[in-house]
Amino acid sequence: MTLSIWLLLHATLGTYLLVRPIAVAAISLLACTGSVTVFLGVLRRLGQQTRAVHTR
């Protein structure tokens, strides 16, 4: 949100419309990646498997 307000006040409208969606996508991707990484780390510490093991 801070990036959006700063861009809106200091950049042209064209720049704002170009940069904002890219920044939102990058921040969202980082948040999802971090969440999954932390979740898998917690599962490993608890001794849970993160992938199915098929034995025949």
N, C-alpha and C. Protein backbone atom coordinates (compact mmCIF):
# COMPACT_ATOMS: atom_id res chain seq x y z
N MET A 1 0.82 -1.18 0.00
CA MET A 1 0.00 0.00 0.00
C MET A 1 0.87 1.25 0.00
N THR A 2 1.93 1.23 0.75
CA THR A 2 2.82 2.38 0.79
C THR A 2 3.43 2.65 -0.58
N LEU A 3 3.83 1.57 -1.26
CA LEU A 3 4.39 1.71 -2.61
C LEU A 3 3.36 2.34 -3.54
N SER A 4 2.12 1.92 -3.44
CA SER A 4 1.07 2.47 -4.30
C SER A 4 0.88 3.96 -4.08
N ILE A 5 0.82 4.36 -2.84
CA ILE A 5 0.63 5.78 -2.52
C ILE A 5 1.83 6.59 -2.99
N TRP A 6 3.03 6.09 -2.73
CA TRP A 6 4.23 6.81 -3.15
C TRP A 6 4.27 6.97 -4.67
N LEU A 7 3.98 5.86 -5.39
CA LEU A 7 3.96 5.93 -6.86
C LEU A 7 2.91 6.91 -7.35
N LEU A 8 1.74 6.87 -6.75
CA LEU A 8 0.66 7.74 -7.19
C LEU A 8 1.01 9.21 -7.01
N LEU A 9 1.75 9.51 -5.95
CA LEU A 9 2.11 10.90 -5.66
C LEU A 9 3.35 11.38 -6.43
N HIS A 10 4.28 10.48 -6.74
CA HIS A 10 5.56 10.88 -7.31
C HIS A 10 5.80 10.47 -8.75
N ALA A 11 4.98 9.63 -9.31
CA ALA A 11 5.21 9.15 -10.67
C ALA A 11 4.03 9.54 -11.56
N THR A 12 4.25 9.38 -12.84
CA THR A 12 3.15 9.66 -13.76
C THR A 12 2.11 8.54 -13.66
N LEU A 13 0.94 8.81 -14.16
CA LEU A 13 -0.13 7.82 -14.11
C LEU A 13 0.24 6.58 -14.92
N GLY A 14 0.90 6.78 -16.05
CA GLY A 14 1.34 5.66 -16.87
C GLY A 14 2.30 4.74 -16.13
N THR A 15 3.25 5.35 -15.42
CA THR A 15 4.21 4.57 -14.64
C THR A 15 3.49 3.82 -13.52
N TYR A 16 2.58 4.49 -12.86
CA TYR A 16 1.80 3.88 -11.79
C TYR A 16 1.04 2.66 -12.31
N LEU A 17 0.38 2.82 -13.45
CA LEU A 17 -0.42 1.73 -14.00
C LEU A 17 0.44 0.57 -14.49
N LEU A 18 1.69 0.84 -14.82
CA LEU A 18 2.60 -0.21 -15.25
C LEU A 18 3.28 -0.91 -14.07
N VAL A 19 3.75 -0.14 -13.12
CA VAL A 19 4.57 -0.68 -12.04
C VAL A 19 3.74 -1.37 -10.96
N ARG A 20 2.60 -0.81 -10.61
CA ARG A 20 1.81 -1.33 -9.49
C ARG A 20 1.43 -2.80 -9.66
N PRO A 21 0.86 -3.23 -10.80
CA PRO A 21 0.50 -4.66 -10.91
C PRO A 21 1.71 -5.58 -10.84
N ILE A 22 2.83 -5.14 -11.38
CA ILE A 22 4.05 -5.96 -11.32
C ILE A 22 4.52 -6.08 -9.88
N ALA A 23 4.50 -4.97 -9.14
CA ALA A 23 4.92 -4.99 -7.74
C ALA A 23 3.99 -5.85 -6.89
N VAL A 24 2.69 -5.75 -7.13
CA VAL A 24 1.73 -6.56 -6.38
C VAL A 24 1.95 -8.04 -6.65
N ALA A 25 2.19 -8.40 -7.90
CA ALA A 25 2.45 -9.81 -8.24
C ALA A 25 3.74 -10.31 -7.58
N ALA A 26 4.79 -9.50 -7.60
CA ALA A 26 6.06 -9.91 -7.00
C ALA A 26 5.93 -10.07 -5.49
N ILE A 27 5.26 -9.14 -4.83
CA ILE A 27 5.08 -9.22 -3.38
C ILE A 27 4.22 -10.44 -3.02
N SER A 28 3.19 -10.70 -3.80
CA SER A 28 2.33 -11.86 -3.56
C SER A 28 3.11 -13.16 -3.73
N LEU A 29 3.92 -13.23 -4.77
CA LEU A 29 4.73 -14.42 -5.00
C LEU A 29 5.72 -14.66 -3.86
N LEU A 30 6.36 -13.60 -3.39
CA LEU A 30 7.28 -13.72 -2.25
C LEU A 30 6.54 -14.18 -0.99
N ALA A 31 5.36 -13.64 -0.75
CA ALA A 31 4.59 -14.03 0.43
C ALA A 31 4.17 -15.50 0.38
N CYS A 32 3.71 -15.95 -0.78
CA CYS A 32 3.30 -17.36 -0.93
C CYS A 32 4.50 -18.29 -0.77
N THR A 33 5.60 -17.94 -1.40
CA THR A 33 6.81 -18.76 -1.31
C THR A 33 7.30 -18.84 0.13
N GLY A 34 7.32 -17.72 0.81
CA GLY A 34 7.73 -17.71 2.22
C GLY A 34 6.81 -18.53 3.10
N SER A 35 5.51 -18.43 2.87
CA SER A 35 4.55 -19.19 3.68
C SER A 35 4.73 -20.69 3.49
N VAL A 36 4.89 -21.12 2.24
CA VAL A 36 5.07 -22.55 1.97
C VAL A 36 6.38 -23.03 2.57
N THR A 37 7.43 -22.24 2.45
CA THR A 37 8.73 -22.63 3.00
C THR A 37 8.66 -22.80 4.53
N VAL A 38 8.03 -21.86 5.20
CA VAL A 38 7.90 -21.94 6.65
C VAL A 38 7.02 -23.13 7.04
N PHE A 39 5.93 -23.35 6.32
CA PHE A 39 5.03 -24.46 6.60
C PHE A 39 5.76 -25.80 6.46
N LEU A 40 6.53 -25.96 5.38
CA LEU A 40 7.28 -27.21 5.21
C LEU A 40 8.34 -27.38 6.29
N GLY A 41 8.97 -26.29 6.71
CA GLY A 41 9.94 -26.37 7.80
C GLY A 41 9.31 -26.82 9.11
N VAL A 42 8.11 -26.32 9.39
CA VAL A 42 7.39 -26.73 10.60
C VAL A 42 7.04 -28.22 10.52
N LEU A 43 6.58 -28.67 9.36
CA LEU A 43 6.26 -30.09 9.20
C LEU A 43 7.49 -30.96 9.42
N ARG A 44 8.63 -30.53 8.89
CA ARG A 44 9.86 -31.31 9.07
C ARG A 44 10.26 -31.37 10.54
N ARG A 45 10.12 -30.25 11.25
CA ARG A 45 10.46 -30.24 12.68
C ARG A 45 9.53 -31.14 13.47
N LEU A 46 8.31 -31.28 13.02
CA LEU A 46 7.35 -32.15 13.70
C LEU A 46 7.50 -33.61 13.27
N GLY A 47 8.37 -33.86 12.30
CA GLY A 47 8.62 -35.23 11.85
C GLY A 47 7.59 -35.74 10.87
N GLN A 48 6.89 -34.87 10.20
CA GLN A 48 5.89 -35.28 9.23
C GLN A 48 6.52 -35.37 7.85
N GLN A 49 5.98 -36.29 7.05
CA GLN A 49 6.45 -36.39 5.67
C GLN A 49 5.80 -35.32 4.84
N THR A 50 6.57 -34.79 3.89
CA THR A 50 6.01 -33.77 3.02
C THR A 50 5.69 -34.33 1.63
N ARG A 51 6.14 -35.53 1.34
CA ARG A 51 5.81 -36.19 0.06
C ARG A 51 5.35 -37.61 0.35
N ALA A 52 4.43 -38.08 -0.45
CA ALA A 52 3.95 -39.45 -0.29
C ALA A 52 5.03 -40.43 -0.74
N VAL A 53 5.22 -41.46 0.03
CA VAL A 53 6.18 -42.52 -0.30
C VAL A 53 5.39 -43.75 -0.69
N HIS A 54 5.60 -44.21 -1.92
CA HIS A 54 4.87 -45.38 -2.41
C HIS A 54 5.77 -46.61 -2.27
N THR A 55 5.29 -47.60 -1.57
CA THR A 55 6.05 -48.83 -1.45
C THR A 55 5.19 -49.96 -2.01
N ARG A 56 5.83 -50.84 -2.77
CA ARG A 56 5.10 -51.98 -3.34
C ARG A 56 5.82 -53.25 -3.05
